[in-house]
mmCIF file of all heavy atoms, coordinates in Angstrom:
data_MODEL
# 
_entry.id   MODEL 
# 
loop_
_atom_site.group_PDB 
_atom_site.id 
_atom_site.type_symbol 
_atom_site.label_atom_id 
_atom_site.label_alt_id 
_atom_site.label_comp_id 
_atom_site.label_asym_id 
_atom_site.label_entity_id 
_atom_site.label_seq_id 
_atom_site.pdbx_PDB_ins_code 
_atom_site.Cartn_x 
_atom_site.Cartn_y 
_atom_site.Cartn_z 
_atom_site.occupancy 
_atom_site.B_iso_or_equiv 
_atom_site.pdbx_formal_charge 
_atom_site.auth_seq_id 
_atom_site.auth_comp_id 
_atom_site.auth_asym_id 
_atom_site.auth_atom_id 
_atom_site.pdbx_PDB_model_num 
ATOM 1   N N   . PRO A 1 1  ? 81.627 101.499 128.096 1.00 0.00 ? 1  PRO A N   1 
ATOM 2   C CA  . PRO A 1 1  ? 81.330 100.132 128.314 1.00 0.00 ? 1  PRO A CA  1 
ATOM 3   C C   . PRO A 1 1  ? 80.814 99.702  129.661 1.00 0.00 ? 1  PRO A C   1 
ATOM 4   O O   . PRO A 1 1  ? 81.075 100.474 130.579 1.00 0.00 ? 1  PRO A O   1 
ATOM 5   C CB  . PRO A 1 1  ? 82.632 99.429  128.059 1.00 0.00 ? 1  PRO A CB  1 
ATOM 6   C CG  . PRO A 1 1  ? 83.673 100.471 128.487 1.00 0.00 ? 1  PRO A CG  1 
ATOM 7   C CD  . PRO A 1 1  ? 83.148 101.816 128.071 1.00 0.00 ? 1  PRO A CD  1 
ATOM 8   N N   . SER A 1 2  ? 80.120 98.681  129.741 1.00 0.00 ? 2  SER A N   1 
ATOM 9   C CA  . SER A 1 2  ? 79.686 98.119  131.124 1.00 0.00 ? 2  SER A CA  1 
ATOM 10  C C   . SER A 1 2  ? 81.004 97.694  131.877 1.00 0.00 ? 2  SER A C   1 
ATOM 11  O O   . SER A 1 2  ? 81.906 97.041  131.281 1.00 0.00 ? 2  SER A O   1 
ATOM 12  C CB  . SER A 1 2  ? 78.804 96.966  130.840 1.00 0.00 ? 2  SER A CB  1 
ATOM 13  O OG  . SER A 1 2  ? 78.646 96.285  132.051 1.00 0.00 ? 2  SER A OG  1 
ATOM 14  N N   . LEU A 1 3  ? 81.013 97.948  133.099 1.00 0.00 ? 3  LEU A N   1 
ATOM 15  C CA  . LEU A 1 3  ? 82.046 97.579  133.970 1.00 0.00 ? 3  LEU A CA  1 
ATOM 16  C C   . LEU A 1 3  ? 81.851 96.167  134.510 1.00 0.00 ? 3  LEU A C   1 
ATOM 17  O O   . LEU A 1 3  ? 82.727 95.569  135.162 1.00 0.00 ? 3  LEU A O   1 
ATOM 18  C CB  . LEU A 1 3  ? 82.317 98.508  135.141 1.00 0.00 ? 3  LEU A CB  1 
ATOM 19  C CG  . LEU A 1 3  ? 82.677 99.909  134.748 1.00 0.00 ? 3  LEU A CG  1 
ATOM 20  C CD1 . LEU A 1 3  ? 82.839 100.858 135.992 1.00 0.00 ? 3  LEU A CD1 1 
ATOM 21  C CD2 . LEU A 1 3  ? 83.957 100.007 133.829 1.00 0.00 ? 3  LEU A CD2 1 
ATOM 22  N N   . ILE A 1 4  ? 80.723 95.618  134.261 1.00 0.00 ? 4  ILE A N   1 
ATOM 23  C CA  . ILE A 1 4  ? 80.451 94.190  134.658 1.00 0.00 ? 4  ILE A CA  1 
ATOM 24  C C   . ILE A 1 4  ? 81.007 93.250  133.583 1.00 0.00 ? 4  ILE A C   1 
ATOM 25  O O   . ILE A 1 4  ? 81.592 92.139  133.958 1.00 0.00 ? 4  ILE A O   1 
ATOM 26  C CB  . ILE A 1 4  ? 78.950 94.017  134.845 1.00 0.00 ? 4  ILE A CB  1 
ATOM 27  C CG1 . ILE A 1 4  ? 78.506 94.845  136.026 1.00 0.00 ? 4  ILE A CG1 1 
ATOM 28  C CG2 . ILE A 1 4  ? 78.582 92.468  135.006 1.00 0.00 ? 4  ILE A CG2 1 
ATOM 29  C CD1 . ILE A 1 4  ? 76.962 94.692  136.325 1.00 0.00 ? 4  ILE A CD1 1 
ATOM 30  N N   . SER A 1 5  ? 80.917 93.710  132.366 1.00 0.00 ? 5  SER A N   1 
ATOM 31  C CA  . SER A 1 5  ? 81.545 92.871  131.269 1.00 0.00 ? 5  SER A CA  1 
ATOM 32  C C   . SER A 1 5  ? 82.369 93.793  130.326 1.00 0.00 ? 5  SER A C   1 
ATOM 33  O O   . SER A 1 5  ? 81.893 94.104  129.238 1.00 0.00 ? 5  SER A O   1 
ATOM 34  C CB  . SER A 1 5  ? 80.545 92.193  130.472 1.00 0.00 ? 5  SER A CB  1 
ATOM 35  O OG  . SER A 1 5  ? 79.521 93.098  129.947 1.00 0.00 ? 5  SER A OG  1 
ATOM 36  N N   . PRO A 1 6  ? 83.410 94.379  130.816 1.00 0.00 ? 6  PRO A N   1 
ATOM 37  C CA  . PRO A 1 6  ? 84.129 95.401  130.073 1.00 0.00 ? 6  PRO A CA  1 
ATOM 38  C C   . PRO A 1 6  ? 85.016 94.716  128.940 1.00 0.00 ? 6  PRO A C   1 
ATOM 39  O O   . PRO A 1 6  ? 85.255 93.529  128.968 1.00 0.00 ? 6  PRO A O   1 
ATOM 40  C CB  . PRO A 1 6  ? 85.161 95.955  131.048 1.00 0.00 ? 6  PRO A CB  1 
ATOM 41  C CG  . PRO A 1 6  ? 85.435 94.785  132.098 1.00 0.00 ? 6  PRO A CG  1 
ATOM 42  C CD  . PRO A 1 6  ? 84.028 94.125  132.171 1.00 0.00 ? 6  PRO A CD  1 
ATOM 43  N N   . PRO A 1 7  ? 85.328 95.459  127.940 1.00 0.00 ? 7  PRO A N   1 
ATOM 44  C CA  . PRO A 1 7  ? 86.230 94.920  126.860 1.00 0.00 ? 7  PRO A CA  1 
ATOM 45  C C   . PRO A 1 7  ? 87.513 94.499  127.444 1.00 0.00 ? 7  PRO A C   1 
ATOM 46  O O   . PRO A 1 7  ? 88.013 95.015  128.499 1.00 0.00 ? 7  PRO A O   1 
ATOM 47  C CB  . PRO A 1 7  ? 86.407 96.121  125.921 1.00 0.00 ? 7  PRO A CB  1 
ATOM 48  C CG  . PRO A 1 7  ? 85.339 97.166  126.367 1.00 0.00 ? 7  PRO A CG  1 
ATOM 49  C CD  . PRO A 1 7  ? 85.094 96.982  127.694 1.00 0.00 ? 7  PRO A CD  1 
ATOM 50  N N   . THR A 1 8  ? 88.108 93.407  126.784 1.00 0.00 ? 8  THR A N   1 
ATOM 51  C CA  . THR A 1 8  ? 89.425 93.046  127.134 1.00 0.00 ? 8  THR A CA  1 
ATOM 52  C C   . THR A 1 8  ? 90.411 94.097  126.651 1.00 0.00 ? 8  THR A C   1 
ATOM 53  O O   . THR A 1 8  ? 90.161 94.874  125.790 1.00 0.00 ? 8  THR A O   1 
ATOM 54  C CB  . THR A 1 8  ? 89.794 91.743  126.580 1.00 0.00 ? 8  THR A CB  1 
ATOM 55  O OG1 . THR A 1 8  ? 89.618 91.808  125.142 1.00 0.00 ? 8  THR A OG1 1 
ATOM 56  C CG2 . THR A 1 8  ? 88.851 90.590  127.126 1.00 0.00 ? 8  THR A CG2 1 
ATOM 57  N N   . GLY A 1 9  ? 91.627 94.098  127.131 1.00 0.00 ? 9  GLY A N   1 
ATOM 58  C CA  . GLY A 1 9  ? 92.665 94.984  126.703 1.00 0.00 ? 9  GLY A CA  1 
ATOM 59  C C   . GLY A 1 9  ? 92.327 96.384  127.071 1.00 0.00 ? 9  GLY A C   1 
ATOM 60  O O   . GLY A 1 9  ? 91.934 96.705  128.272 1.00 0.00 ? 9  GLY A O   1 
ATOM 61  N N   . CYS A 1 10 ? 92.526 97.310  126.176 1.00 0.00 ? 10 CYS A N   1 
ATOM 62  C CA  . CYS A 1 10 ? 92.189 98.696  126.356 1.00 0.00 ? 10 CYS A CA  1 
ATOM 63  C C   . CYS A 1 10 ? 90.647 98.878  126.319 1.00 0.00 ? 10 CYS A C   1 
ATOM 64  O O   . CYS A 1 10 ? 90.054 98.498  125.385 1.00 0.00 ? 10 CYS A O   1 
ATOM 65  C CB  . CYS A 1 10 ? 92.841 99.688  125.365 1.00 0.00 ? 10 CYS A CB  1 
ATOM 66  S SG  . CYS A 1 10 ? 92.379 101.381 125.541 1.00 0.00 ? 10 CYS A SG  1 
ATOM 67  N N   . ARG A 1 11 ? 90.075 99.459  127.374 1.00 0.00 ? 11 ARG A N   1 
ATOM 68  C CA  . ARG A 1 11 ? 88.631 99.496  127.479 1.00 0.00 ? 11 ARG A CA  1 
ATOM 69  C C   . ARG A 1 11 ? 88.111 100.629 126.485 1.00 0.00 ? 11 ARG A C   1 
ATOM 70  O O   . ARG A 1 11 ? 86.914 100.661 126.309 1.00 0.00 ? 11 ARG A O   1 
ATOM 71  C CB  . ARG A 1 11 ? 88.181 99.885  128.923 1.00 0.00 ? 11 ARG A CB  1 
ATOM 72  C CG  . ARG A 1 11 ? 88.541 98.640  129.809 1.00 0.00 ? 11 ARG A CG  1 
ATOM 73  C CD  . ARG A 1 11 ? 87.992 98.912  131.246 1.00 0.00 ? 11 ARG A CD  1 
ATOM 74  N NE  . ARG A 1 11 ? 88.233 97.742  132.028 1.00 0.00 ? 11 ARG A NE  1 
ATOM 75  C CZ  . ARG A 1 11 ? 87.832 97.667  133.367 1.00 0.00 ? 11 ARG A CZ  1 
ATOM 76  N NH1 . ARG A 1 11 ? 87.343 98.663  133.936 1.00 0.00 ? 11 ARG A NH1 1 
ATOM 77  N NH2 . ARG A 1 11 ? 87.982 96.518  133.939 1.00 0.00 ? 11 ARG A NH2 1 
ATOM 78  N N   . PHE A 1 12 ? 88.973 101.381 125.884 1.00 0.00 ? 12 PHE A N   1 
ATOM 79  C CA  . PHE A 1 12 ? 88.463 102.432 124.956 1.00 0.00 ? 12 PHE A CA  1 
ATOM 80  C C   . PHE A 1 12 ? 88.501 101.850 123.515 1.00 0.00 ? 12 PHE A C   1 
ATOM 81  O O   . PHE A 1 12 ? 87.836 102.570 122.617 1.00 0.00 ? 12 PHE A O   1 
ATOM 82  C CB  . PHE A 1 12 ? 89.369 103.741 125.076 1.00 0.00 ? 12 PHE A CB  1 
ATOM 83  C CG  . PHE A 1 12 ? 88.832 104.899 124.204 1.00 0.00 ? 12 PHE A CG  1 
ATOM 84  C CD1 . PHE A 1 12 ? 87.548 105.357 124.459 1.00 0.00 ? 12 PHE A CD1 1 
ATOM 85  C CD2 . PHE A 1 12 ? 89.691 105.409 123.270 1.00 0.00 ? 12 PHE A CD2 1 
ATOM 86  C CE1 . PHE A 1 12 ? 87.158 106.411 123.648 1.00 0.00 ? 12 PHE A CE1 1 
ATOM 87  C CE2 . PHE A 1 12 ? 89.120 106.420 122.516 1.00 0.00 ? 12 PHE A CE2 1 
ATOM 88  C CZ  . PHE A 1 12 ? 87.975 106.963 122.692 1.00 0.00 ? 12 PHE A CZ  1 
ATOM 89  N N   . TYR A 1 13 ? 89.005 100.756 123.273 1.00 0.00 ? 13 TYR A N   1 
ATOM 90  C CA  . TYR A 1 13 ? 89.268 100.383 121.840 1.00 0.00 ? 13 TYR A CA  1 
ATOM 91  C C   . TYR A 1 13 ? 87.978 100.293 121.088 1.00 0.00 ? 13 TYR A C   1 
ATOM 92  O O   . TYR A 1 13 ? 88.002 100.502 119.791 1.00 0.00 ? 13 TYR A O   1 
ATOM 93  C CB  . TYR A 1 13 ? 90.034 99.016  121.759 1.00 0.00 ? 13 TYR A CB  1 
ATOM 94  C CG  . TYR A 1 13 ? 89.242 97.754  121.769 1.00 0.00 ? 13 TYR A CG  1 
ATOM 95  C CD1 . TYR A 1 13 ? 88.515 97.336  120.680 1.00 0.00 ? 13 TYR A CD1 1 
ATOM 96  C CD2 . TYR A 1 13 ? 89.116 96.974  122.975 1.00 0.00 ? 13 TYR A CD2 1 
ATOM 97  C CE1 . TYR A 1 13 ? 87.847 96.141  120.695 1.00 0.00 ? 13 TYR A CE1 1 
ATOM 98  C CE2 . TYR A 1 13 ? 88.319 95.829  122.928 1.00 0.00 ? 13 TYR A CE2 1 
ATOM 99  C CZ  . TYR A 1 13 ? 87.693 95.487  121.852 1.00 0.00 ? 13 TYR A CZ  1 
ATOM 100 O OH  . TYR A 1 13 ? 87.035 94.201  121.875 1.00 0.00 ? 13 TYR A OH  1 
ATOM 101 N N   . PRO A 1 14 ? 86.726 99.844  121.621 1.00 0.00 ? 14 PRO A N   1 
ATOM 102 C CA  . PRO A 1 14 ? 85.520 99.838  120.721 1.00 0.00 ? 14 PRO A CA  1 
ATOM 103 C C   . PRO A 1 14 ? 85.199 101.273 120.190 1.00 0.00 ? 14 PRO A C   1 
ATOM 104 O O   . PRO A 1 14 ? 84.496 101.308 119.192 1.00 0.00 ? 14 PRO A O   1 
ATOM 105 C CB  . PRO A 1 14 ? 84.523 99.412  121.628 1.00 0.00 ? 14 PRO A CB  1 
ATOM 106 C CG  . PRO A 1 14 ? 85.176 98.613  122.689 1.00 0.00 ? 14 PRO A CG  1 
ATOM 107 C CD  . PRO A 1 14 ? 86.486 99.399  122.982 1.00 0.00 ? 14 PRO A CD  1 
ATOM 108 N N   . ARG A 1 15 ? 85.619 102.353 120.820 1.00 0.00 ? 15 ARG A N   1 
ATOM 109 C CA  . ARG A 1 15 ? 85.339 103.719 120.392 1.00 0.00 ? 15 ARG A CA  1 
ATOM 110 C C   . ARG A 1 15 ? 86.504 104.405 119.701 1.00 0.00 ? 15 ARG A C   1 
ATOM 111 O O   . ARG A 1 15 ? 86.452 105.556 119.365 1.00 0.00 ? 15 ARG A O   1 
ATOM 112 C CB  . ARG A 1 15 ? 84.809 104.487 121.542 1.00 0.00 ? 15 ARG A CB  1 
ATOM 113 C CG  . ARG A 1 15 ? 83.705 103.870 122.306 1.00 0.00 ? 15 ARG A CG  1 
ATOM 114 C CD  . ARG A 1 15 ? 83.392 104.633 123.601 1.00 0.00 ? 15 ARG A CD  1 
ATOM 115 N NE  . ARG A 1 15 ? 82.718 105.867 123.384 1.00 0.00 ? 15 ARG A NE  1 
ATOM 116 C CZ  . ARG A 1 15 ? 82.519 106.810 124.308 1.00 0.00 ? 15 ARG A CZ  1 
ATOM 117 N NH1 . ARG A 1 15 ? 82.844 106.576 125.535 1.00 0.00 ? 15 ARG A NH1 1 
ATOM 118 N NH2 . ARG A 1 15 ? 81.919 107.954 123.999 1.00 0.00 ? 15 ARG A NH2 1 
ATOM 119 N N   . CYS A 1 16 ? 87.652 103.796 119.642 1.00 0.00 ? 16 CYS A N   1 
ATOM 120 C CA  . CYS A 1 16 ? 88.819 104.443 119.341 1.00 0.00 ? 16 CYS A CA  1 
ATOM 121 C C   . CYS A 1 16 ? 89.135 104.382 117.799 1.00 0.00 ? 16 CYS A C   1 
ATOM 122 O O   . CYS A 1 16 ? 89.171 103.229 117.197 1.00 0.00 ? 16 CYS A O   1 
ATOM 123 C CB  . CYS A 1 16 ? 90.086 103.765 120.047 1.00 0.00 ? 16 CYS A CB  1 
ATOM 124 S SG  . CYS A 1 16 ? 91.717 104.636 119.672 1.00 0.00 ? 16 CYS A SG  1 
ATOM 125 N N   . PRO A 1 17 ? 89.487 105.470 117.069 1.00 0.00 ? 17 PRO A N   1 
ATOM 126 C CA  . PRO A 1 17 ? 89.607 105.480 115.673 1.00 0.00 ? 17 PRO A CA  1 
ATOM 127 C C   . PRO A 1 17 ? 90.977 104.847 115.246 1.00 0.00 ? 17 PRO A C   1 
ATOM 128 O O   . PRO A 1 17 ? 91.170 104.550 114.140 1.00 0.00 ? 17 PRO A O   1 
ATOM 129 C CB  . PRO A 1 17 ? 89.627 106.978 115.373 1.00 0.00 ? 17 PRO A CB  1 
ATOM 130 C CG  . PRO A 1 17 ? 89.867 107.734 116.495 1.00 0.00 ? 17 PRO A CG  1 
ATOM 131 C CD  . PRO A 1 17 ? 89.362 106.829 117.719 1.00 0.00 ? 17 PRO A CD  1 
ATOM 132 N N   . ARG A 1 18 ? 91.875 104.692 116.167 1.00 0.00 ? 18 ARG A N   1 
ATOM 133 C CA  . ARG A 1 18 ? 93.186 104.117 115.967 1.00 0.00 ? 18 ARG A CA  1 
ATOM 134 C C   . ARG A 1 18 ? 93.400 102.740 116.454 1.00 0.00 ? 18 ARG A C   1 
ATOM 135 O O   . ARG A 1 18 ? 94.523 102.175 116.424 1.00 0.00 ? 18 ARG A O   1 
ATOM 136 C CB  . ARG A 1 18 ? 94.337 105.000 116.566 1.00 0.00 ? 18 ARG A CB  1 
ATOM 137 C CG  . ARG A 1 18 ? 94.375 106.401 116.013 1.00 0.00 ? 18 ARG A CG  1 
ATOM 138 C CD  . ARG A 1 18 ? 95.271 107.314 116.801 1.00 0.00 ? 18 ARG A CD  1 
ATOM 139 N NE  . ARG A 1 18 ? 96.647 107.068 116.706 1.00 0.00 ? 18 ARG A NE  1 
ATOM 140 C CZ  . ARG A 1 18 ? 97.483 107.566 115.757 1.00 0.00 ? 18 ARG A CZ  1 
ATOM 141 N NH1 . ARG A 1 18 ? 96.992 108.431 114.792 1.00 0.00 ? 18 ARG A NH1 1 
ATOM 142 N NH2 . ARG A 1 18 ? 98.782 107.256 115.788 1.00 0.00 ? 18 ARG A NH2 1 
ATOM 143 N N   . ALA A 1 19 ? 92.308 102.038 116.928 1.00 0.00 ? 19 ALA A N   1 
ATOM 144 C CA  . ALA A 1 19 ? 92.372 100.756 117.543 1.00 0.00 ? 19 ALA A CA  1 
ATOM 145 C C   . ALA A 1 19 ? 92.859 99.736  116.575 1.00 0.00 ? 19 ALA A C   1 
ATOM 146 O O   . ALA A 1 19 ? 92.502 99.826  115.404 1.00 0.00 ? 19 ALA A O   1 
ATOM 147 C CB  . ALA A 1 19 ? 91.010 100.313 118.082 1.00 0.00 ? 19 ALA A CB  1 
ATOM 148 N N   . SER A 1 20 ? 93.629 98.673  117.077 1.00 0.00 ? 20 SER A N   1 
ATOM 149 C CA  . SER A 1 20 ? 93.939 97.476  116.275 1.00 0.00 ? 20 SER A CA  1 
ATOM 150 C C   . SER A 1 20 ? 93.760 96.313  117.073 1.00 0.00 ? 20 SER A C   1 
ATOM 151 O O   . SER A 1 20 ? 93.307 96.350  118.172 1.00 0.00 ? 20 SER A O   1 
ATOM 152 C CB  . SER A 1 20 ? 95.355 97.644  115.799 1.00 0.00 ? 20 SER A CB  1 
ATOM 153 O OG  . SER A 1 20 ? 96.335 97.563  117.001 1.00 0.00 ? 20 SER A OG  1 
ATOM 154 N N   . ASP A 1 21 ? 94.087 95.171  116.584 1.00 0.00 ? 21 ASP A N   1 
ATOM 155 C CA  . ASP A 1 21 ? 93.942 93.938  117.231 1.00 0.00 ? 21 ASP A CA  1 
ATOM 156 C C   . ASP A 1 21 ? 94.723 93.849  118.525 1.00 0.00 ? 21 ASP A C   1 
ATOM 157 O O   . ASP A 1 21 ? 94.225 93.282  119.591 1.00 0.00 ? 21 ASP A O   1 
ATOM 158 C CB  . ASP A 1 21 ? 94.354 92.629  116.346 1.00 0.00 ? 21 ASP A CB  1 
ATOM 159 C CG  . ASP A 1 21 ? 93.504 92.474  115.228 1.00 0.00 ? 21 ASP A CG  1 
ATOM 160 O OD1 . ASP A 1 21 ? 92.262 92.960  115.289 1.00 0.00 ? 21 ASP A OD1 1 
ATOM 161 O OD2 . ASP A 1 21 ? 93.879 91.855  114.141 1.00 0.00 ? 21 ASP A OD2 1 
ATOM 162 N N   . VAL A 1 22 ? 95.900 94.440  118.608 1.00 0.00 ? 22 VAL A N   1 
ATOM 163 C CA  . VAL A 1 22 ? 96.656 94.436  119.833 1.00 0.00 ? 22 VAL A CA  1 
ATOM 164 C C   . VAL A 1 22 ? 95.883 95.192  120.906 1.00 0.00 ? 22 VAL A C   1 
ATOM 165 O O   . VAL A 1 22 ? 95.976 94.889  122.215 1.00 0.00 ? 22 VAL A O   1 
ATOM 166 C CB  . VAL A 1 22 ? 98.034 94.999  119.616 1.00 0.00 ? 22 VAL A CB  1 
ATOM 167 C CG1 . VAL A 1 22 ? 98.072 96.411  119.351 1.00 0.00 ? 22 VAL A CG1 1 
ATOM 168 C CG2 . VAL A 1 22 ? 99.009 94.663  120.847 1.00 0.00 ? 22 VAL A CG2 1 
ATOM 169 N N   . CYS A 1 23 ? 95.152 96.222  120.581 1.00 0.00 ? 23 CYS A N   1 
ATOM 170 C CA  . CYS A 1 23 ? 94.412 96.982  121.565 1.00 0.00 ? 23 CYS A CA  1 
ATOM 171 C C   . CYS A 1 23 ? 93.380 96.161  122.244 1.00 0.00 ? 23 CYS A C   1 
ATOM 172 O O   . CYS A 1 23 ? 93.064 96.254  123.435 1.00 0.00 ? 23 CYS A O   1 
ATOM 173 C CB  . CYS A 1 23 ? 93.787 98.225  120.950 1.00 0.00 ? 23 CYS A CB  1 
ATOM 174 S SG  . CYS A 1 23 ? 94.964 99.285  120.059 1.00 0.00 ? 23 CYS A SG  1 
ATOM 175 N N   . ARG A 1 24 ? 92.745 95.260  121.403 1.00 0.00 ? 24 ARG A N   1 
ATOM 176 C CA  . ARG A 1 24 ? 91.687 94.433  121.891 1.00 0.00 ? 24 ARG A CA  1 
ATOM 177 C C   . ARG A 1 24 ? 92.233 93.301  122.818 1.00 0.00 ? 24 ARG A C   1 
ATOM 178 O O   . ARG A 1 24 ? 91.626 92.956  123.753 1.00 0.00 ? 24 ARG A O   1 
ATOM 179 C CB  . ARG A 1 24 ? 90.906 93.756  120.744 1.00 0.00 ? 24 ARG A CB  1 
ATOM 180 C CG  . ARG A 1 24 ? 89.837 92.833  121.066 1.00 0.00 ? 24 ARG A CG  1 
ATOM 181 C CD  . ARG A 1 24 ? 89.183 92.215  119.883 1.00 0.00 ? 24 ARG A CD  1 
ATOM 182 N NE  . ARG A 1 24 ? 88.467 93.233  119.084 1.00 0.00 ? 24 ARG A NE  1 
ATOM 183 C CZ  . ARG A 1 24 ? 88.999 93.652  117.864 1.00 0.00 ? 24 ARG A CZ  1 
ATOM 184 N NH1 . ARG A 1 24 ? 90.149 93.138  117.337 1.00 0.00 ? 24 ARG A NH1 1 
ATOM 185 N NH2 . ARG A 1 24 ? 88.361 94.510  117.222 1.00 0.00 ? 24 ARG A NH2 1 
ATOM 186 N N   . ALA A 1 25 ? 93.491 92.960  122.427 1.00 0.00 ? 25 ALA A N   1 
ATOM 187 C CA  . ALA A 1 25 ? 94.101 91.860  123.217 1.00 0.00 ? 25 ALA A CA  1 
ATOM 188 C C   . ALA A 1 25 ? 94.693 92.183  124.584 1.00 0.00 ? 25 ALA A C   1 
ATOM 189 O O   . ALA A 1 25 ? 94.659 91.449  125.520 1.00 0.00 ? 25 ALA A O   1 
ATOM 190 C CB  . ALA A 1 25 ? 95.134 91.112  122.297 1.00 0.00 ? 25 ALA A CB  1 
# 
């Protein structure tokens, strides 16, 4: 991800096969 506008929560969640809503939050 871009470090200028990184994902919230865990930064790996957009690529993670086990991600859930809590990972995004």
